[in-house]
């Protein structure tokens, strides 16, 4: 991919604790507790791999992303960002 080309891909349904984000009732419609909708920009090759893993493992894309983020975050120490 050339540097001047732009590709934008959106990923929805990424897990995040509700207390960390302002709740929009419409965006939360139909979701289980502890889940929210969010939009992210990611590389095209990552999206293709996520879709491939999702297909071959017979999982939803949000499940594949949740598993990947869970593994990435395991053992990481985090703290809340101050609003300042």
C-alpha atoms as a PDB file:
ATOM      1  CA  UNK A   1       0.000   0.000   0.000  1.00  0.00           C
ATOM      2  CA  UNK A   2       1.372   3.406  -0.936  1.00  0.00           C
ATOM      3  CA  UNK A   3       1.735   6.067   1.724  1.00  0.00           C
ATOM      4  CA  UNK A   4      -0.673   8.447   0.011  1.00  0.00           C
ATOM      5  CA  UNK A   5      -3.500   5.893  -0.118  1.00  0.00           C
ATOM      6  CA  UNK A   6      -5.944   6.029   2.749  1.00  0.00           C
ATOM      7  CA  UNK A   7      -8.084   3.152   3.925  1.00  0.00           C
ATOM      8  CA  UNK A   8     -10.387   3.470   6.898  1.00  0.00           C
ATOM      9  CA  UNK A   9     -11.968   0.444   8.533  1.00  0.00           C
ATOM     10  CA  UNK A  10     -14.317   0.563  11.472  1.00  0.00           C
ATOM     11  CA  UNK A  11     -14.612  -2.031  14.208  1.00  0.00           C
ATOM     12  CA  UNK A  12     -17.643  -2.083  16.482  1.00  0.00           C
ATOM     13  CA  UNK A  13     -18.532  -3.847  19.695  1.00  0.00           C
ATOM     14  CA  UNK A  14     -15.185  -3.707  21.443  1.00  0.00           C
ATOM     15  CA  UNK A  15     -15.401  -4.594  25.128  1.00  0.00           C
ATOM     16  CA  UNK A  16     -15.032  -1.747  27.565  1.00  0.00           C
ATOM     17  CA  UNK A  17     -16.422  -1.294  31.043  1.00  0.00           C
ATOM     18  CA  UNK A  18     -19.396   1.082  31.019  1.00  0.00           C
ATOM     19  CA  UNK A  19     -18.164   3.113  33.979  1.00  0.00           C
ATOM     20  CA  UNK A  20     -15.203   4.327  31.920  1.00  0.00           C
ATOM     21  CA  UNK A  21     -17.294   5.904  29.156  1.00  0.00           C
ATOM     22  CA  UNK A  22     -20.334   8.145  29.081  1.00  0.00           C
ATOM     23  CA  UNK A  23     -23.374   6.018  28.362  1.00  0.00           C
ATOM     24  CA  UNK A  24     -25.443   6.850  25.305  1.00  0.00           C
ATOM     25  CA  UNK A  25     -28.696   4.880  25.599  1.00  0.00           C
ATOM     26  CA  UNK A  26     -29.047   4.445  21.834  1.00  0.00           C
ATOM     27  CA  UNK A  27     -25.479   3.141  21.427  1.00  0.00           C
ATOM     28  CA  UNK A  28     -26.036   0.653  24.269  1.00  0.00           C
ATOM     29  CA  UNK A  29     -29.265  -0.707  22.816  1.00  0.00           C
ATOM     30  CA  UNK A  30     -29.203  -4.480  22.492  1.00  0.00           C
ATOM     31  CA  UNK A  31     -25.874  -4.971  24.272  1.00  0.00           C
ATOM     32  CA  UNK A  32     -25.191  -7.068  27.346  1.00  0.00           C
ATOM     33  CA  UNK A  33     -23.910  -5.399  30.496  1.00  0.00           C
ATOM     34  CA  UNK A  34     -20.206  -4.622  30.341  1.00  0.00           C
ATOM     35  CA  UNK A  35     -20.184  -4.057  26.572  1.00  0.00           C
ATOM     36  CA  UNK A  36     -20.294  -0.861  24.538  1.00  0.00           C
ATOM     37  CA  UNK A  37     -19.948   0.207  20.913  1.00  0.00           C
ATOM     38  CA  UNK A  38     -16.816   2.047  19.853  1.00  0.00           C
ATOM     39  CA  UNK A  39     -15.217   3.002  16.557  1.00  0.00           C
ATOM     40  CA  UNK A  40     -11.537   2.457  15.796  1.00  0.00           C
ATOM     41  CA  UNK A  41      -9.296   2.873  12.776  1.00  0.00           C
ATOM     42  CA  UNK A  42      -6.978  -0.044  12.052  1.00  0.00           C
ATOM     43  CA  UNK A  43      -4.641  -1.320   9.396  1.00  0.00           C
ATOM     44  CA  UNK A  44      -6.141  -3.119   6.418  1.00  0.00           C
ATOM     45  CA  UNK A  45      -3.953  -6.196   6.883  1.00  0.00           C
ATOM     46  CA  UNK A  46      -5.053  -6.521  10.522  1.00  0.00           C
ATOM     47  CA  UNK A  47      -8.716  -6.379   9.522  1.00  0.00           C
ATOM     48  CA  UNK A  48      -8.189  -9.035   6.848  1.00  0.00           C
ATOM     49  CA  UNK A  49      -6.512 -11.335   9.400  1.00  0.00           C
ATOM     50  CA  UNK A  50      -9.261 -10.735  11.965  1.00  0.00           C
ATOM     51  CA  UNK A  51     -11.914 -11.600   9.388  1.00  0.00           C
ATOM     52  CA  UNK A  52     -10.000 -14.713   8.345  1.00  0.00           C
ATOM     53  CA  UNK A  53      -9.578 -15.948  11.925  1.00  0.00           C
ATOM     54  CA  UNK A  54     -13.252 -15.217  12.556  1.00  0.00           C
ATOM     55  CA  UNK A  55     -14.330 -17.252   9.537  1.00  0.00           C
ATOM     56  CA  UNK A  56     -12.073 -20.268  10.083  1.00  0.00           C
ATOM     57  CA  UNK A  57     -12.683 -20.465  13.831  1.00  0.00           C
ATOM     58  CA  UNK A  58     -16.438 -19.891  13.337  1.00  0.00           C
ATOM     59  CA  UNK A  59     -16.451 -16.946  15.740  1.00  0.00           C
ATOM     60  CA  UNK A  60     -17.852 -13.453  15.574  1.00  0.00           C
ATOM     61  CA  UNK A  61     -15.399 -10.680  14.775  1.00  0.00           C
ATOM     62  CA  UNK A  62     -16.073  -9.100  18.167  1.00  0.00           C
ATOM     63  CA  UNK A  63     -15.118 -12.400  19.846  1.00  0.00           C
ATOM     64  CA  UNK A  64     -11.795 -12.528  17.990  1.00  0.00           C
ATOM     65  CA  UNK A  65     -11.025  -8.903  18.884  1.00  0.00           C
ATOM     66  CA  UNK A  66     -12.027  -9.473  22.517  1.00  0.00           C
ATOM     67  CA  UNK A  67      -9.719 -12.498  22.753  1.00  0.00           C
ATOM     68  CA  UNK A  68      -6.823 -10.604  21.169  1.00  0.00           C
ATOM     69  CA  UNK A  69      -7.244  -7.601  23.467  1.00  0.00           C
ATOM     70  CA  UNK A  70      -7.638  -9.837  26.529  1.00  0.00           C
ATOM     71  CA  UNK A  71      -4.336 -11.564  25.731  1.00  0.00           C
ATOM     72  CA  UNK A  72      -2.621  -8.231  25.044  1.00  0.00           C
ATOM     73  CA  UNK A  73      -3.869  -6.678  28.282  1.00  0.00           C
ATOM     74  CA  UNK A  74      -3.055  -9.693  30.456  1.00  0.00           C
ATOM     75  CA  UNK A  75      -0.446  -8.693  33.019  1.00  0.00           C
ATOM     76  CA  UNK A  76      -0.476  -5.005  32.062  1.00  0.00           C
ATOM     77  CA  UNK A  77      -0.955  -2.557  34.881  1.00  0.00           C
ATOM     78  CA  UNK A  78      -3.325   0.229  33.971  1.00  0.00           C
ATOM     79  CA  UNK A  79      -4.664   3.269  35.720  1.00  0.00           C
ATOM     80  CA  UNK A  80      -7.407   5.686  34.816  1.00  0.00           C
ATOM     81  CA  UNK A  81      -6.498   8.781  32.890  1.00  0.00           C
ATOM     82  CA  UNK A  82      -7.309  11.993  34.698  1.00  0.00           C
ATOM     83  CA  UNK A  83      -9.713  14.375  32.954  1.00  0.00           C
ATOM     84  CA  UNK A  84      -7.592  17.445  33.016  1.00  0.00           C
END
